[in-house]
N, C-alpha and C. Protein backbone atom coordinates (compact mmCIF):
# COMPACT_ATOMS: atom_id res chain seq x y z
N MET A 1 5.96 -6.03 -2.90
CA MET A 1 5.52 -7.30 -2.35
C MET A 1 4.39 -7.80 -3.13
N LEU A 2 4.10 -7.18 -4.35
CA LEU A 2 2.92 -7.67 -5.20
C LEU A 2 2.94 -9.04 -5.44
N GLY A 3 1.89 -9.80 -5.02
CA GLY A 3 1.73 -11.14 -5.26
C GLY A 3 2.51 -12.05 -4.36
N SER A 4 3.01 -11.52 -3.21
CA SER A 4 3.80 -12.34 -2.38
C SER A 4 2.99 -13.06 -1.30
N PHE A 5 1.82 -12.66 -1.12
CA PHE A 5 1.01 -13.17 -0.03
C PHE A 5 -0.41 -13.70 -0.58
N GLU A 6 -0.88 -14.73 0.11
CA GLU A 6 -2.26 -15.11 -0.28
C GLU A 6 -3.23 -14.13 0.32
N ASP A 7 -2.98 -13.62 1.41
CA ASP A 7 -3.97 -12.81 2.05
C ASP A 7 -3.17 -11.74 2.87
N PHE A 8 -3.10 -10.50 2.37
CA PHE A 8 -2.24 -9.48 3.03
C PHE A 8 -2.97 -8.96 4.29
N ARG A 9 -4.31 -9.42 4.55
CA ARG A 9 -4.94 -9.08 5.79
C ARG A 9 -4.19 -9.69 6.87
N ASP A 10 -3.69 -10.84 6.70
CA ASP A 10 -2.83 -11.61 7.73
C ASP A 10 -1.61 -10.83 8.18
N ILE A 11 -0.93 -10.19 7.11
CA ILE A 11 0.22 -9.41 7.47
C ILE A 11 -0.19 -8.06 8.26
N ILE A 12 -1.30 -7.52 7.96
CA ILE A 12 -1.78 -6.33 8.66
C ILE A 12 -2.08 -6.77 10.03
N ALA A 13 -2.77 -7.86 10.39
CA ALA A 13 -3.22 -8.33 11.53
C ALA A 13 -1.94 -8.59 12.44
N ARG A 14 -0.88 -9.17 11.74
CA ARG A 14 0.29 -9.58 12.58
C ARG A 14 0.96 -8.23 12.86
N GLY A 15 0.97 -7.17 11.95
CA GLY A 15 1.56 -5.95 12.30
C GLY A 15 0.79 -5.23 13.44
N PHE A 16 -0.56 -5.38 13.52
CA PHE A 16 -1.24 -4.83 14.65
C PHE A 16 -0.93 -5.50 15.95
N LYS A 17 -0.76 -6.80 15.91
CA LYS A 17 -0.40 -7.58 17.13
C LYS A 17 0.91 -7.09 17.65
N TYR A 18 1.88 -7.00 16.89
CA TYR A 18 3.19 -6.56 17.24
C TYR A 18 3.64 -5.13 17.39
N THR A 19 2.67 -4.23 17.14
CA THR A 19 2.79 -2.98 17.24
C THR A 19 2.41 -2.50 18.60
N LYS A 20 3.23 -1.69 19.34
CA LYS A 20 2.95 -1.32 20.58
C LYS A 20 1.72 -0.17 20.63
N PRO A 21 0.93 -0.13 21.50
CA PRO A 21 -0.09 0.96 21.58
C PRO A 21 0.52 2.40 21.34
N GLY A 22 -0.16 3.06 20.51
CA GLY A 22 0.40 4.36 20.12
C GLY A 22 1.29 4.31 18.87
N GLY A 23 1.81 3.08 18.47
CA GLY A 23 2.61 2.91 17.41
C GLY A 23 1.96 2.92 16.03
N TRP A 24 2.73 3.04 15.13
CA TRP A 24 2.18 3.28 13.75
C TRP A 24 2.64 2.15 12.72
N MET A 25 1.74 1.79 11.80
CA MET A 25 2.14 0.97 10.75
C MET A 25 1.75 1.61 9.48
N GLU A 26 2.52 1.45 8.43
CA GLU A 26 2.36 2.02 7.15
C GLU A 26 2.51 0.87 6.06
N SER A 27 1.69 0.90 4.91
CA SER A 27 1.91 0.03 3.78
C SER A 27 1.82 0.87 2.62
N GLN A 28 2.54 0.54 1.66
CA GLN A 28 2.67 1.13 0.41
C GLN A 28 2.49 0.08 -0.72
N ASP A 29 1.55 0.37 -1.64
CA ASP A 29 1.23 -0.74 -2.57
C ASP A 29 1.00 -0.11 -3.96
N LEU A 30 1.66 -0.55 -4.91
CA LEU A 30 1.40 -0.16 -6.31
C LEU A 30 0.17 -0.95 -6.94
N MET A 31 -0.82 -0.29 -7.43
CA MET A 31 -1.92 -0.94 -8.06
C MET A 31 -1.50 -1.21 -9.44
N PRO A 32 -1.46 -2.51 -9.92
CA PRO A 32 -0.87 -2.82 -11.22
C PRO A 32 -1.76 -2.41 -12.34
N THR A 33 -2.99 -2.16 -12.14
CA THR A 33 -3.95 -1.71 -13.23
C THR A 33 -3.29 -0.50 -13.80
N VAL A 34 -3.16 -0.38 -15.20
CA VAL A 34 -2.66 0.77 -15.77
C VAL A 34 -3.82 1.73 -16.01
N CYS A 35 -3.54 3.01 -15.69
CA CYS A 35 -4.56 4.07 -15.78
C CYS A 35 -4.09 5.12 -16.83
N CYS A 36 -5.08 5.79 -17.50
CA CYS A 36 -4.75 6.86 -18.33
C CYS A 36 -6.08 7.79 -18.41
N ASP A 37 -5.66 9.11 -18.14
CA ASP A 37 -6.80 10.14 -17.92
C ASP A 37 -7.11 10.81 -19.22
N ASP A 38 -6.33 10.64 -20.22
CA ASP A 38 -6.45 11.65 -21.49
C ASP A 38 -6.73 10.86 -22.78
N GLY A 39 -7.01 9.59 -22.62
CA GLY A 39 -7.48 8.79 -23.78
C GLY A 39 -6.34 8.47 -24.74
N THR A 40 -5.02 8.59 -24.38
CA THR A 40 -3.96 8.20 -25.25
C THR A 40 -3.58 6.74 -25.13
N MET A 41 -4.20 6.00 -24.24
CA MET A 41 -4.00 4.54 -24.26
C MET A 41 -5.18 3.77 -24.89
N ALA A 42 -4.81 3.02 -25.87
CA ALA A 42 -5.76 2.30 -26.55
C ALA A 42 -6.21 1.05 -25.71
N PRO A 43 -7.41 0.56 -25.81
CA PRO A 43 -7.92 -0.69 -25.03
C PRO A 43 -7.06 -1.84 -25.24
N ASP A 44 -6.35 -1.93 -26.40
CA ASP A 44 -5.50 -3.15 -26.58
C ASP A 44 -4.03 -2.82 -26.23
N HIS A 45 -3.75 -1.83 -25.51
CA HIS A 45 -2.40 -1.39 -25.16
C HIS A 45 -1.60 -2.66 -24.68
N PRO A 46 -0.43 -2.93 -25.09
CA PRO A 46 0.26 -4.19 -24.56
C PRO A 46 0.41 -4.23 -23.08
N LEU A 47 0.89 -3.13 -22.57
CA LEU A 47 1.02 -3.19 -21.03
C LEU A 47 -0.20 -3.43 -20.25
N SER A 48 -1.28 -2.80 -20.75
CA SER A 48 -2.60 -3.06 -20.15
C SER A 48 -3.03 -4.51 -20.33
N LYS A 49 -2.80 -5.08 -21.50
CA LYS A 49 -3.07 -6.55 -21.82
C LYS A 49 -2.30 -7.40 -20.85
N TRP A 50 -0.95 -7.09 -20.75
CA TRP A 50 -0.08 -7.88 -19.85
C TRP A 50 -0.60 -7.84 -18.42
N THR A 51 -1.00 -6.64 -17.96
CA THR A 51 -1.49 -6.50 -16.59
C THR A 51 -2.71 -7.46 -16.33
N LYS A 52 -3.59 -7.55 -17.24
CA LYS A 52 -4.69 -8.35 -17.21
C LYS A 52 -4.40 -9.89 -17.16
N LEU A 53 -3.44 -10.26 -18.01
CA LEU A 53 -2.93 -11.61 -18.01
C LEU A 53 -2.13 -11.94 -16.64
N ASN A 54 -1.32 -11.04 -16.19
CA ASN A 54 -0.57 -11.26 -15.02
C ASN A 54 -1.61 -11.37 -13.80
N ASP A 55 -2.72 -10.49 -13.80
CA ASP A 55 -3.61 -10.62 -12.79
C ASP A 55 -4.37 -11.91 -12.70
N GLU A 56 -4.73 -12.39 -13.85
CA GLU A 56 -5.34 -13.72 -14.04
C GLU A 56 -4.42 -14.84 -13.59
N ALA A 57 -3.19 -14.76 -13.88
CA ALA A 57 -2.24 -15.82 -13.43
C ALA A 57 -2.02 -15.69 -11.99
N GLN A 58 -1.81 -14.53 -11.41
CA GLN A 58 -1.73 -14.36 -10.03
C GLN A 58 -2.88 -14.97 -9.18
N MET A 59 -4.17 -14.62 -9.66
CA MET A 59 -5.22 -15.12 -8.96
C MET A 59 -5.40 -16.65 -9.04
N ARG A 60 -4.88 -17.14 -10.18
CA ARG A 60 -4.84 -18.66 -10.27
C ARG A 60 -3.94 -19.27 -9.20
N MET A 61 -2.86 -18.54 -9.03
CA MET A 61 -1.89 -19.06 -7.98
C MET A 61 -2.15 -18.62 -6.52
N GLN A 62 -3.36 -18.00 -6.38
CA GLN A 62 -3.82 -17.44 -5.12
C GLN A 62 -2.91 -16.34 -4.43
N ARG A 63 -2.36 -15.51 -5.44
CA ARG A 63 -1.46 -14.51 -4.98
C ARG A 63 -2.14 -13.14 -5.60
N PRO A 64 -3.12 -12.56 -5.01
CA PRO A 64 -3.65 -11.35 -5.57
C PRO A 64 -2.69 -10.18 -5.65
N VAL A 65 -2.76 -9.37 -6.70
CA VAL A 65 -1.93 -8.26 -6.78
C VAL A 65 -2.67 -6.91 -6.80
N ARG A 66 -4.01 -6.85 -6.94
CA ARG A 66 -4.79 -5.66 -6.87
C ARG A 66 -5.30 -5.45 -5.45
N ILE A 67 -4.47 -4.95 -4.51
CA ILE A 67 -5.04 -4.86 -3.19
C ILE A 67 -4.92 -3.48 -2.63
N GLY A 68 -4.10 -2.55 -3.32
CA GLY A 68 -3.80 -1.26 -2.84
C GLY A 68 -5.05 -0.53 -2.34
N ASN A 69 -6.19 -0.64 -3.09
CA ASN A 69 -7.41 0.13 -2.80
C ASN A 69 -8.20 -0.54 -1.66
N LYS A 70 -7.74 -1.71 -1.16
CA LYS A 70 -8.45 -2.20 0.05
C LYS A 70 -7.70 -2.07 1.27
N LEU A 71 -6.42 -1.59 1.23
CA LEU A 71 -5.57 -1.39 2.41
C LEU A 71 -6.28 -0.59 3.56
N LYS A 72 -6.82 0.44 3.26
CA LYS A 72 -7.39 1.41 4.22
C LYS A 72 -8.48 0.62 5.04
N ARG A 73 -9.38 -0.01 4.34
CA ARG A 73 -10.43 -0.88 4.98
C ARG A 73 -9.76 -1.96 5.86
N TRP A 74 -8.79 -2.63 5.31
CA TRP A 74 -8.25 -3.74 6.06
C TRP A 74 -7.44 -3.23 7.38
N PHE A 75 -6.86 -2.03 7.20
CA PHE A 75 -6.22 -1.54 8.49
C PHE A 75 -7.34 -1.22 9.39
N GLN A 76 -8.42 -0.62 9.07
CA GLN A 76 -9.50 -0.34 10.08
C GLN A 76 -10.06 -1.57 10.61
N GLN A 77 -10.22 -2.58 9.82
CA GLN A 77 -10.81 -3.90 10.29
C GLN A 77 -9.90 -4.56 11.24
N ALA A 78 -8.55 -4.32 11.05
CA ALA A 78 -7.51 -4.92 12.01
C ALA A 78 -7.51 -4.32 13.33
N GLY A 79 -8.16 -2.99 13.32
CA GLY A 79 -8.21 -2.29 14.76
C GLY A 79 -7.40 -1.08 14.78
N PHE A 80 -6.66 -0.72 13.76
CA PHE A 80 -5.97 0.53 13.64
C PHE A 80 -6.91 1.78 13.67
N VAL A 81 -6.57 2.81 14.27
CA VAL A 81 -7.32 4.08 14.21
C VAL A 81 -6.53 5.16 13.63
N ASP A 82 -7.13 6.41 13.33
CA ASP A 82 -6.55 7.46 12.63
C ASP A 82 -5.89 6.93 11.36
N VAL A 83 -6.60 6.05 10.71
CA VAL A 83 -6.13 5.52 9.44
C VAL A 83 -6.25 6.58 8.25
N GLN A 84 -5.09 6.74 7.57
CA GLN A 84 -5.06 7.63 6.44
C GLN A 84 -4.73 7.02 5.07
N GLU A 85 -5.07 7.53 4.06
CA GLU A 85 -4.70 7.07 2.80
C GLU A 85 -4.42 8.18 1.83
N LYS A 86 -3.29 7.97 1.18
CA LYS A 86 -2.84 8.91 0.10
C LYS A 86 -2.69 8.12 -1.16
N VAL A 87 -3.12 8.64 -2.27
CA VAL A 87 -3.02 7.89 -3.59
C VAL A 87 -2.16 8.82 -4.42
N PHE A 88 -1.08 8.24 -5.04
CA PHE A 88 -0.15 8.96 -5.90
C PHE A 88 -0.17 8.44 -7.34
N LYS A 89 -0.03 9.25 -8.31
CA LYS A 89 0.07 8.78 -9.64
C LYS A 89 1.66 8.65 -9.99
N LEU A 90 1.97 7.41 -10.43
CA LEU A 90 3.32 7.06 -10.82
C LEU A 90 3.42 6.84 -12.33
N PRO A 91 3.96 7.90 -13.04
CA PRO A 91 4.03 7.58 -14.49
C PRO A 91 4.86 6.39 -14.94
N ILE A 92 4.33 5.71 -16.02
CA ILE A 92 4.97 4.58 -16.43
C ILE A 92 6.35 5.00 -17.02
N ASN A 93 6.45 6.10 -17.68
CA ASN A 93 7.75 6.64 -18.16
C ASN A 93 7.74 8.18 -18.08
N PRO A 94 8.58 8.90 -18.54
CA PRO A 94 8.76 10.32 -18.25
C PRO A 94 7.85 11.18 -19.40
N TRP A 95 6.68 10.83 -19.58
CA TRP A 95 5.78 11.52 -20.44
C TRP A 95 5.22 12.80 -19.96
N THR A 96 5.21 12.97 -18.58
CA THR A 96 4.56 14.04 -17.92
C THR A 96 5.42 15.31 -18.06
N LYS A 97 4.72 16.43 -17.91
CA LYS A 97 5.45 17.83 -18.00
C LYS A 97 6.08 18.13 -16.66
N ASP A 98 5.48 17.63 -15.56
CA ASP A 98 6.09 17.86 -14.25
C ASP A 98 7.52 17.28 -14.18
N GLU A 99 8.41 18.27 -13.82
CA GLU A 99 9.87 17.85 -13.82
C GLU A 99 10.21 16.68 -12.76
N LYS A 100 9.62 16.78 -11.63
CA LYS A 100 9.78 15.77 -10.60
C LYS A 100 9.21 14.47 -10.96
N LEU A 101 7.98 14.46 -11.52
CA LEU A 101 7.40 13.22 -11.89
C LEU A 101 8.08 12.64 -13.26
N LYS A 102 8.67 13.54 -14.03
CA LYS A 102 9.45 13.06 -15.18
C LYS A 102 10.64 12.26 -14.73
N ILE A 103 11.31 12.59 -13.60
CA ILE A 103 12.41 11.91 -13.02
C ILE A 103 11.94 10.54 -12.46
N VAL A 104 10.82 10.56 -11.74
CA VAL A 104 10.31 9.42 -11.30
C VAL A 104 9.82 8.40 -12.34
N GLY A 105 9.23 8.97 -13.36
CA GLY A 105 8.88 8.21 -14.59
C GLY A 105 10.02 7.59 -15.27
N ARG A 106 11.11 8.23 -15.30
CA ARG A 106 12.31 7.55 -15.82
C ARG A 106 12.80 6.23 -15.05
N PHE A 107 12.72 6.36 -13.69
CA PHE A 107 13.10 5.30 -12.80
C PHE A 107 12.02 4.16 -12.95
N HIS A 108 10.81 4.48 -13.02
CA HIS A 108 9.80 3.52 -13.11
C HIS A 108 9.80 2.83 -14.49
N GLU A 109 10.10 3.46 -15.48
CA GLU A 109 10.27 2.97 -16.82
C GLU A 109 11.38 1.91 -16.82
N ALA A 110 12.56 2.34 -16.26
CA ALA A 110 13.67 1.32 -16.12
C ALA A 110 13.29 0.18 -15.24
N SER A 111 12.68 0.45 -14.24
CA SER A 111 12.28 -0.70 -13.25
C SER A 111 11.35 -1.73 -14.01
N MET A 112 10.36 -1.10 -14.67
CA MET A 112 9.34 -1.92 -15.35
C MET A 112 9.99 -2.70 -16.61
N ALA A 113 10.82 -2.02 -17.38
CA ALA A 113 11.40 -2.61 -18.50
C ALA A 113 12.40 -3.75 -18.08
N ASP A 114 13.19 -3.46 -17.15
CA ASP A 114 14.09 -4.42 -16.48
C ASP A 114 13.48 -5.48 -15.77
N GLY A 115 12.33 -5.25 -15.11
CA GLY A 115 11.75 -6.22 -14.28
C GLY A 115 10.71 -7.10 -14.94
N ILE A 116 10.21 -6.66 -16.06
CA ILE A 116 8.93 -7.34 -16.66
C ILE A 116 9.13 -8.89 -16.83
N GLN A 117 10.34 -9.23 -17.17
CA GLN A 117 10.65 -10.68 -17.32
C GLN A 117 10.53 -11.41 -15.91
N GLY A 118 11.07 -10.84 -14.85
CA GLY A 118 10.97 -11.42 -13.67
C GLY A 118 9.51 -11.44 -13.09
N PHE A 119 8.74 -10.44 -13.42
CA PHE A 119 7.38 -10.41 -13.01
C PHE A 119 6.53 -11.35 -13.69
N SER A 120 6.97 -11.76 -14.86
CA SER A 120 6.16 -12.65 -15.73
C SER A 120 6.51 -14.14 -15.69
N LEU A 121 7.70 -14.45 -15.53
CA LEU A 121 8.27 -15.90 -15.74
C LEU A 121 7.44 -16.88 -14.89
N ALA A 122 7.35 -16.67 -13.50
CA ALA A 122 6.65 -17.64 -12.66
C ALA A 122 5.15 -17.70 -12.98
N PRO A 123 4.47 -16.60 -12.95
CA PRO A 123 2.91 -16.70 -13.08
C PRO A 123 2.56 -17.18 -14.53
N PHE A 124 3.29 -16.60 -15.61
CA PHE A 124 2.96 -17.06 -16.89
C PHE A 124 3.26 -18.54 -17.14
N SER A 125 4.32 -18.91 -16.59
CA SER A 125 4.65 -20.41 -16.91
C SER A 125 3.87 -21.30 -15.95
N ARG A 126 3.74 -20.98 -14.70
CA ARG A 126 3.12 -21.97 -13.77
C ARG A 126 1.66 -21.88 -13.91
N ALA A 127 1.04 -20.70 -13.99
CA ALA A 127 -0.39 -20.64 -14.01
C ALA A 127 -1.06 -20.63 -15.49
N LEU A 128 -0.27 -20.03 -16.48
CA LEU A 128 -0.92 -20.12 -17.75
C LEU A 128 -0.24 -21.09 -18.75
N GLY A 129 0.81 -21.79 -18.21
CA GLY A 129 1.43 -22.86 -18.99
C GLY A 129 2.27 -22.38 -20.19
N TRP A 130 2.59 -21.16 -20.24
CA TRP A 130 3.57 -20.70 -21.30
C TRP A 130 4.96 -21.16 -21.09
N THR A 131 5.71 -21.26 -22.28
CA THR A 131 7.16 -21.61 -22.13
C THR A 131 7.92 -20.21 -21.93
N LYS A 132 9.17 -20.36 -21.57
CA LYS A 132 9.95 -19.27 -21.51
C LYS A 132 10.12 -18.48 -22.84
N GLU A 133 10.16 -19.16 -23.85
CA GLU A 133 10.27 -18.57 -25.18
C GLU A 133 9.00 -17.77 -25.54
N GLU A 134 7.90 -18.45 -25.25
CA GLU A 134 6.57 -17.69 -25.53
C GLU A 134 6.51 -16.38 -24.67
N ILE A 135 6.89 -16.48 -23.43
CA ILE A 135 6.96 -15.31 -22.70
C ILE A 135 7.86 -14.24 -23.24
N GLU A 136 9.08 -14.63 -23.53
CA GLU A 136 10.04 -13.57 -24.05
C GLU A 136 9.49 -12.89 -25.34
N VAL A 137 8.93 -13.67 -26.27
CA VAL A 137 8.39 -13.04 -27.48
C VAL A 137 7.17 -12.09 -27.01
N TYR A 138 6.31 -12.63 -26.25
CA TYR A 138 5.13 -11.74 -25.85
C TYR A 138 5.65 -10.43 -25.16
N LEU A 139 6.73 -10.49 -24.50
CA LEU A 139 7.28 -9.30 -23.75
C LEU A 139 7.90 -8.17 -24.58
N ILE A 140 8.28 -8.57 -25.86
CA ILE A 140 8.83 -7.58 -26.75
C ILE A 140 7.91 -6.31 -26.96
N ASP A 141 6.67 -6.64 -27.31
CA ASP A 141 5.71 -5.47 -27.43
C ASP A 141 5.38 -4.81 -26.13
N VAL A 142 5.46 -5.53 -24.92
CA VAL A 142 5.12 -4.97 -23.68
C VAL A 142 6.19 -3.98 -23.36
N ARG A 143 7.48 -4.36 -23.57
CA ARG A 143 8.53 -3.47 -23.22
C ARG A 143 8.59 -2.16 -24.06
N LYS A 144 8.18 -2.45 -25.39
CA LYS A 144 8.00 -1.15 -26.28
C LYS A 144 6.95 -0.26 -25.72
N SER A 145 5.87 -0.78 -25.27
CA SER A 145 4.64 -0.09 -24.84
C SER A 145 5.08 0.81 -23.45
N ILE A 146 5.91 0.12 -22.77
CA ILE A 146 6.29 0.87 -21.51
C ILE A 146 7.06 2.10 -21.82
N SER A 147 7.84 2.14 -22.95
CA SER A 147 8.66 3.34 -23.31
C SER A 147 8.05 4.22 -24.24
N ASP A 148 6.75 4.03 -24.55
CA ASP A 148 5.95 4.87 -25.58
C ASP A 148 5.45 6.13 -24.82
N ARG A 149 6.26 7.29 -25.02
CA ARG A 149 5.93 8.44 -24.49
C ARG A 149 4.65 9.17 -24.97
N ASN A 150 4.05 8.70 -26.11
CA ASN A 150 2.78 9.15 -26.63
C ASN A 150 1.60 8.64 -25.78
N VAL A 151 1.78 7.57 -24.91
CA VAL A 151 0.79 7.10 -24.17
C VAL A 151 0.98 7.52 -22.76
N HIS A 152 0.08 8.26 -22.26
CA HIS A 152 0.23 8.88 -20.81
C HIS A 152 -0.42 8.04 -19.81
N CYS A 153 0.16 6.97 -19.54
CA CYS A 153 -0.41 6.07 -18.57
C CYS A 153 0.36 6.09 -17.24
N TYR A 154 -0.20 5.68 -16.17
CA TYR A 154 0.39 5.55 -14.92
C TYR A 154 -0.22 4.52 -14.02
N HIS A 155 0.49 4.12 -12.92
CA HIS A 155 0.03 3.30 -11.86
C HIS A 155 -0.40 4.13 -10.77
N LYS A 156 -1.31 3.70 -9.96
CA LYS A 156 -1.69 4.39 -8.66
C LYS A 156 -0.87 3.72 -7.63
N VAL A 157 -0.28 4.51 -6.69
CA VAL A 157 0.35 3.97 -5.56
C VAL A 157 -0.42 4.38 -4.40
N TYR A 158 -0.86 3.29 -3.64
CA TYR A 158 -1.69 3.70 -2.34
C TYR A 158 -0.66 3.59 -1.18
N VAL A 159 -0.67 4.66 -0.36
CA VAL A 159 0.04 4.67 0.91
C VAL A 159 -0.97 4.86 2.06
N VAL A 160 -0.98 3.83 2.88
CA VAL A 160 -1.92 3.87 4.01
C VAL A 160 -1.25 3.69 5.29
N TRP A 161 -1.58 4.36 6.38
CA TRP A 161 -1.04 4.21 7.61
C TRP A 161 -2.03 4.41 8.69
N GLY A 162 -1.71 3.75 9.88
CA GLY A 162 -2.78 3.82 11.07
C GLY A 162 -1.99 3.55 12.35
N ARG A 163 -2.66 4.07 13.31
CA ARG A 163 -2.13 3.85 14.68
C ARG A 163 -2.79 2.87 15.57
N LYS A 164 -2.13 2.15 16.20
CA LYS A 164 -2.66 1.21 17.18
C LYS A 164 -3.11 1.91 18.52
N PRO A 165 -4.44 1.75 18.81
CA PRO A 165 -5.00 2.59 19.81
C PRO A 165 -4.32 2.17 21.23
N TYR A 166 -4.46 3.17 22.06
CA TYR A 166 -3.98 2.89 23.55
C TYR A 166 -5.12 1.94 24.19
N PRO A 167 -4.63 1.24 25.15
CA PRO A 167 -5.71 0.49 25.84
C PRO A 167 -6.82 1.40 26.50
N GLY A 168 -8.04 1.00 26.36
CA GLY A 168 -9.20 1.81 26.76
C GLY A 168 -9.59 3.01 25.89
N GLU A 169 -8.67 3.35 24.93
CA GLU A 169 -8.98 4.54 24.05
C GLU A 169 -10.27 4.36 23.39
N LEU A 170 -10.67 3.25 22.84
CA LEU A 170 -11.86 3.22 22.02
C LEU A 170 -13.11 3.12 22.83
N SER A 171 -12.95 2.71 24.10
CA SER A 171 -14.18 2.57 25.02
C SER A 171 -14.37 3.94 25.74
N MET A 172 -13.50 4.94 25.54
CA MET A 172 -13.56 6.22 26.23
C MET A 172 -14.61 7.06 25.55
N GLY A 173 -14.97 6.70 24.25
CA GLY A 173 -15.96 7.42 23.56
C GLY A 173 -15.68 8.80 23.27
């Protein structure tokens, strides 16, 4: 749902309102910032540059995409209790040695390579004023960078969940 909402806090508040006491709500969000722990990603890496441009475009359209690291706080502010957060590394492609993450990386690579046009067309054309042709040419290097197994980059996926308290639970101390 990246970039689908002006303010995801409204969605969390609505979830809190419609969740029965004792019920749980969970959100999962991919942080689009590209991370790398071992120095294999250059500062001018095409996917990293695309991420910054996409973020700029989404912000101009008032559709923020970097919200995963805020979800826990927003759940707590909405009134959820027992709020938990887990952060997972999602490899951009199957560069990792871990066999399970290698499989996940293959799926993520295919998803990114196939979806990058769809992720780019509206924000780049509407907010940045690019033509479809300019976007397509720009994405050639971005697609190549997604499949570069010499660059060990990943996305962080934030999973946050919390429980709606029972009536009187919070005042019981």
